[in-house]
N, C-alpha and C. Protein backbone atom coordinates (compact mmCIF):
# COMPACT_ATOMS: atom_id res chain seq x y z
N MET A 1 13.07 -13.35 13.35
CA MET A 1 13.86 -13.15 12.16
C MET A 1 13.80 -11.67 11.78
N LYS A 2 14.95 -11.12 11.50
CA LYS A 2 15.07 -9.70 11.16
C LYS A 2 15.32 -9.57 9.67
N ILE A 3 14.58 -8.67 9.05
CA ILE A 3 14.75 -8.41 7.62
C ILE A 3 15.52 -7.09 7.49
N SER A 4 16.50 -7.07 6.61
CA SER A 4 17.34 -5.88 6.47
C SER A 4 16.53 -4.72 5.91
N ASN A 5 17.01 -3.53 6.19
CA ASN A 5 16.34 -2.32 5.71
C ASN A 5 16.31 -2.26 4.19
N ASN A 6 17.35 -2.78 3.57
CA ASN A 6 17.42 -2.81 2.11
C ASN A 6 16.28 -3.64 1.53
N LYS A 7 16.01 -4.79 2.13
CA LYS A 7 14.93 -5.66 1.64
C LYS A 7 13.57 -5.05 1.93
N VAL A 8 13.43 -4.38 3.06
CA VAL A 8 12.16 -3.71 3.38
C VAL A 8 11.89 -2.61 2.36
N GLU A 9 12.93 -1.87 1.97
CA GLU A 9 12.78 -0.83 0.95
C GLU A 9 12.34 -1.42 -0.39
N LYS A 10 12.92 -2.57 -0.75
CA LYS A 10 12.55 -3.21 -2.02
C LYS A 10 11.10 -3.68 -1.98
N ILE A 11 10.66 -4.20 -0.85
CA ILE A 11 9.27 -4.64 -0.71
C ILE A 11 8.34 -3.42 -0.75
N SER A 12 8.77 -2.32 -0.15
CA SER A 12 7.99 -1.08 -0.20
C SER A 12 7.85 -0.61 -1.64
N GLU A 13 8.92 -0.71 -2.41
CA GLU A 13 8.86 -0.34 -3.82
C GLU A 13 7.90 -1.24 -4.58
N GLN A 14 7.88 -2.53 -4.25
CA GLN A 14 6.96 -3.46 -4.90
C GLN A 14 5.51 -3.09 -4.58
N ILE A 15 5.26 -2.69 -3.33
CA ILE A 15 3.91 -2.29 -2.93
C ILE A 15 3.49 -1.05 -3.70
N LEU A 16 4.37 -0.07 -3.78
CA LEU A 16 4.05 1.15 -4.51
C LEU A 16 3.83 0.87 -5.99
N SER A 17 4.63 -0.02 -6.55
CA SER A 17 4.48 -0.39 -7.95
C SER A 17 3.12 -1.06 -8.18
N LEU A 18 2.74 -1.92 -7.29
CA LEU A 18 1.44 -2.61 -7.40
C LEU A 18 0.30 -1.60 -7.30
N LEU A 19 0.36 -0.69 -6.33
CA LEU A 19 -0.68 0.31 -6.18
C LEU A 19 -0.73 1.24 -7.39
N TYR A 20 0.43 1.54 -7.97
CA TYR A 20 0.48 2.38 -9.17
C TYR A 20 -0.19 1.67 -10.34
N SER A 21 0.08 0.37 -10.49
CA SER A 21 -0.48 -0.37 -11.62
C SER A 21 -2.00 -0.52 -11.50
N LYS A 22 -2.52 -0.53 -10.29
CA LYS A 22 -3.96 -0.69 -10.07
C LYS A 22 -4.68 0.65 -9.91
N SER A 23 -3.94 1.74 -9.93
CA SER A 23 -4.51 3.07 -9.73
C SER A 23 -5.53 3.39 -10.81
N PRO A 24 -6.61 4.03 -10.55
CA PRO A 24 -7.06 4.69 -9.33
C PRO A 24 -7.82 3.78 -8.37
N ASN A 25 -7.88 2.50 -8.66
CA ASN A 25 -8.56 1.57 -7.76
C ASN A 25 -7.73 1.36 -6.50
N SER A 26 -8.40 1.04 -5.42
CA SER A 26 -7.72 0.76 -4.17
C SER A 26 -7.67 -0.74 -3.94
N LEU A 27 -6.74 -1.17 -3.11
CA LEU A 27 -6.58 -2.60 -2.81
C LEU A 27 -6.65 -2.83 -1.31
N PHE A 28 -7.24 -3.94 -0.93
CA PHE A 28 -7.23 -4.34 0.47
C PHE A 28 -5.85 -4.85 0.84
N THR A 29 -5.54 -4.79 2.12
CA THR A 29 -4.25 -5.28 2.61
C THR A 29 -4.05 -6.73 2.21
N SER A 30 -5.09 -7.53 2.31
CA SER A 30 -4.98 -8.95 1.98
C SER A 30 -4.67 -9.16 0.50
N ASP A 31 -5.23 -8.31 -0.36
CA ASP A 31 -4.95 -8.41 -1.80
C ASP A 31 -3.48 -8.07 -2.10
N ILE A 32 -2.97 -7.05 -1.44
CA ILE A 32 -1.58 -6.67 -1.63
C ILE A 32 -0.66 -7.79 -1.16
N ALA A 33 -0.96 -8.34 0.01
CA ALA A 33 -0.14 -9.43 0.55
C ALA A 33 -0.17 -10.65 -0.36
N ARG A 34 -1.34 -10.96 -0.92
CA ARG A 34 -1.45 -12.12 -1.81
C ARG A 34 -0.66 -11.88 -3.10
N GLU A 35 -0.74 -10.69 -3.67
CA GLU A 35 -0.01 -10.38 -4.90
C GLU A 35 1.50 -10.48 -4.71
N LEU A 36 1.98 -10.06 -3.54
CA LEU A 36 3.42 -10.06 -3.27
C LEU A 36 3.90 -11.32 -2.58
N ALA A 37 2.99 -12.23 -2.26
CA ALA A 37 3.30 -13.48 -1.56
C ALA A 37 4.02 -13.17 -0.25
N ARG A 38 3.42 -12.27 0.54
CA ARG A 38 3.98 -11.87 1.83
C ARG A 38 2.91 -12.01 2.90
N ASP A 39 3.35 -12.02 4.14
CA ASP A 39 2.47 -12.10 5.30
C ASP A 39 1.67 -10.80 5.43
N GLU A 40 0.38 -10.90 5.76
CA GLU A 40 -0.47 -9.72 5.85
C GLU A 40 0.00 -8.73 6.91
N GLU A 41 0.40 -9.22 8.06
CA GLU A 41 0.84 -8.33 9.13
C GLU A 41 2.12 -7.59 8.74
N PHE A 42 3.01 -8.25 8.03
CA PHE A 42 4.23 -7.62 7.57
C PHE A 42 3.92 -6.54 6.55
N VAL A 43 3.02 -6.83 5.63
CA VAL A 43 2.60 -5.86 4.61
C VAL A 43 1.90 -4.68 5.28
N LYS A 44 1.08 -4.95 6.28
CA LYS A 44 0.38 -3.89 6.99
C LYS A 44 1.37 -2.95 7.68
N LYS A 45 2.42 -3.51 8.28
CA LYS A 45 3.45 -2.71 8.93
C LYS A 45 4.13 -1.79 7.91
N ILE A 46 4.46 -2.32 6.76
CA ILE A 46 5.10 -1.52 5.72
C ILE A 46 4.15 -0.44 5.21
N LEU A 47 2.88 -0.79 5.03
CA LEU A 47 1.89 0.19 4.57
C LEU A 47 1.75 1.35 5.56
N TYR A 48 1.77 1.05 6.86
CA TYR A 48 1.69 2.12 7.85
C TYR A 48 2.94 3.00 7.81
N ASP A 49 4.10 2.41 7.53
CA ASP A 49 5.32 3.21 7.37
C ASP A 49 5.21 4.10 6.14
N LEU A 50 4.68 3.56 5.06
CA LEU A 50 4.49 4.35 3.84
C LEU A 50 3.47 5.46 4.07
N ARG A 51 2.49 5.18 4.91
CA ARG A 51 1.48 6.19 5.23
C ARG A 51 2.11 7.34 6.01
N LYS A 52 3.03 7.03 6.92
CA LYS A 52 3.72 8.08 7.68
C LYS A 52 4.51 8.99 6.75
N ASN A 53 5.04 8.41 5.68
CA ASN A 53 5.81 9.18 4.70
C ASN A 53 4.92 9.80 3.63
N LYS A 54 3.60 9.66 3.79
CA LYS A 54 2.60 10.23 2.88
C LYS A 54 2.73 9.71 1.45
N LEU A 55 3.05 8.43 1.32
CA LEU A 55 3.13 7.80 0.01
C LEU A 55 1.87 7.02 -0.33
N VAL A 56 1.15 6.57 0.69
CA VAL A 56 -0.11 5.87 0.48
C VAL A 56 -1.17 6.48 1.39
N VAL A 57 -2.43 6.24 1.03
CA VAL A 57 -3.56 6.77 1.78
C VAL A 57 -4.43 5.60 2.21
N LEU A 58 -4.83 5.61 3.47
CA LEU A 58 -5.72 4.59 4.01
C LEU A 58 -7.16 5.02 3.77
N ILE A 59 -7.95 4.14 3.19
CA ILE A 59 -9.37 4.40 2.95
C ILE A 59 -10.15 3.64 4.02
N THR A 60 -10.93 4.37 4.80
CA THR A 60 -11.62 3.77 5.94
C THR A 60 -13.09 3.51 5.70
N LYS A 61 -13.62 3.97 4.57
CA LYS A 61 -15.05 3.79 4.29
C LYS A 61 -15.26 3.00 3.00
N ASN A 62 -16.34 2.23 2.99
CA ASN A 62 -16.67 1.48 1.78
C ASN A 62 -17.38 2.41 0.80
N PRO A 63 -17.64 1.96 -0.43
CA PRO A 63 -18.29 2.84 -1.42
C PRO A 63 -19.66 3.38 -1.00
N LYS A 64 -20.31 2.72 -0.05
CA LYS A 64 -21.61 3.18 0.42
C LYS A 64 -21.48 4.18 1.57
N GLY A 65 -20.25 4.46 2.01
CA GLY A 65 -20.02 5.45 3.05
C GLY A 65 -19.95 4.90 4.46
N LYS A 66 -20.04 3.60 4.62
CA LYS A 66 -19.96 3.01 5.95
C LYS A 66 -18.50 2.69 6.29
N ASP A 67 -18.16 2.85 7.56
CA ASP A 67 -16.80 2.56 8.01
C ASP A 67 -16.52 1.06 7.96
N TYR A 68 -15.30 0.73 7.54
CA TYR A 68 -14.86 -0.65 7.62
C TYR A 68 -14.57 -0.98 9.07
N LEU A 69 -14.98 -2.16 9.51
CA LEU A 69 -14.72 -2.56 10.88
C LEU A 69 -13.41 -3.34 10.99
N ARG A 70 -13.12 -4.18 10.00
CA ARG A 70 -11.95 -5.04 10.11
C ARG A 70 -11.04 -4.98 8.89
N ARG A 71 -11.44 -4.32 7.85
CA ARG A 71 -10.66 -4.30 6.62
C ARG A 71 -10.08 -2.92 6.38
N GLN A 72 -9.01 -2.89 5.58
CA GLN A 72 -8.39 -1.62 5.22
C GLN A 72 -8.07 -1.64 3.74
N ARG A 73 -8.40 -0.53 3.08
CA ARG A 73 -8.06 -0.37 1.67
C ARG A 73 -7.00 0.70 1.55
N TRP A 74 -6.14 0.53 0.54
CA TRP A 74 -5.02 1.43 0.35
C TRP A 74 -4.97 1.90 -1.09
N VAL A 75 -4.55 3.15 -1.26
CA VAL A 75 -4.36 3.72 -2.58
C VAL A 75 -3.12 4.61 -2.50
N MET A 76 -2.45 4.77 -3.63
CA MET A 76 -1.28 5.63 -3.68
C MET A 76 -1.72 7.09 -3.55
N SER A 77 -0.98 7.88 -2.80
CA SER A 77 -1.32 9.29 -2.64
C SER A 77 -1.10 10.03 -3.96
N ASP A 78 -1.78 11.15 -4.11
CA ASP A 78 -1.68 11.92 -5.35
C ASP A 78 -0.25 12.38 -5.63
N SER A 79 0.43 12.87 -4.59
CA SER A 79 1.80 13.36 -4.78
C SER A 79 2.73 12.22 -5.17
N ALA A 80 2.58 11.06 -4.53
CA ALA A 80 3.41 9.91 -4.87
C ALA A 80 3.10 9.42 -6.28
N TYR A 81 1.83 9.46 -6.67
CA TYR A 81 1.44 9.03 -8.01
C TYR A 81 2.10 9.90 -9.07
N LYS A 82 2.09 11.21 -8.86
CA LYS A 82 2.69 12.14 -9.83
C LYS A 82 4.20 11.90 -9.95
N ILE A 83 4.86 11.71 -8.83
CA ILE A 83 6.30 11.45 -8.84
C ILE A 83 6.59 10.12 -9.53
N TYR A 84 5.82 9.10 -9.18
CA TYR A 84 6.02 7.77 -9.74
C TYR A 84 5.78 7.79 -11.25
N LYS A 85 4.79 8.56 -11.68
CA LYS A 85 4.45 8.64 -13.10
C LYS A 85 5.59 9.24 -13.91
N THR A 86 6.29 10.22 -13.35
CA THR A 86 7.40 10.84 -14.08
C THR A 86 8.57 9.87 -14.28
N TYR A 87 8.72 8.90 -13.38
CA TYR A 87 9.83 7.95 -13.48
C TYR A 87 9.47 6.69 -14.25
N GLN A 88 8.22 6.53 -14.61
CA GLN A 88 7.82 5.32 -15.35
C GLN A 88 7.98 5.49 -16.83
C-alpha cells in the first residue's frame, strides 16, 4: 500500500507538533507511534526523513550516558523549535 506524499507530510507535521508539545523532553519512537496511532516502522521512516532535513535530533544515549542498544529517542532540533514557536 502506497501513501501519498501529501499524507506523509501531514503525518510529519503531526510528529513535529507532538515533539513541540513535549519539548524539551524527548520521546521514544514507540511513544510517538502510540500517540499518533501509527505503525512504529512507518513512524521511524518518517523520523529518519525529518532527521535528514535537520528537523529532529536522534538521541543515542540514556540519561546515565550509556548507549541505547534497541531504542531511539527523538527531540525537535533547536532551529526547528524556534521556527515552530514563531508560527504557534
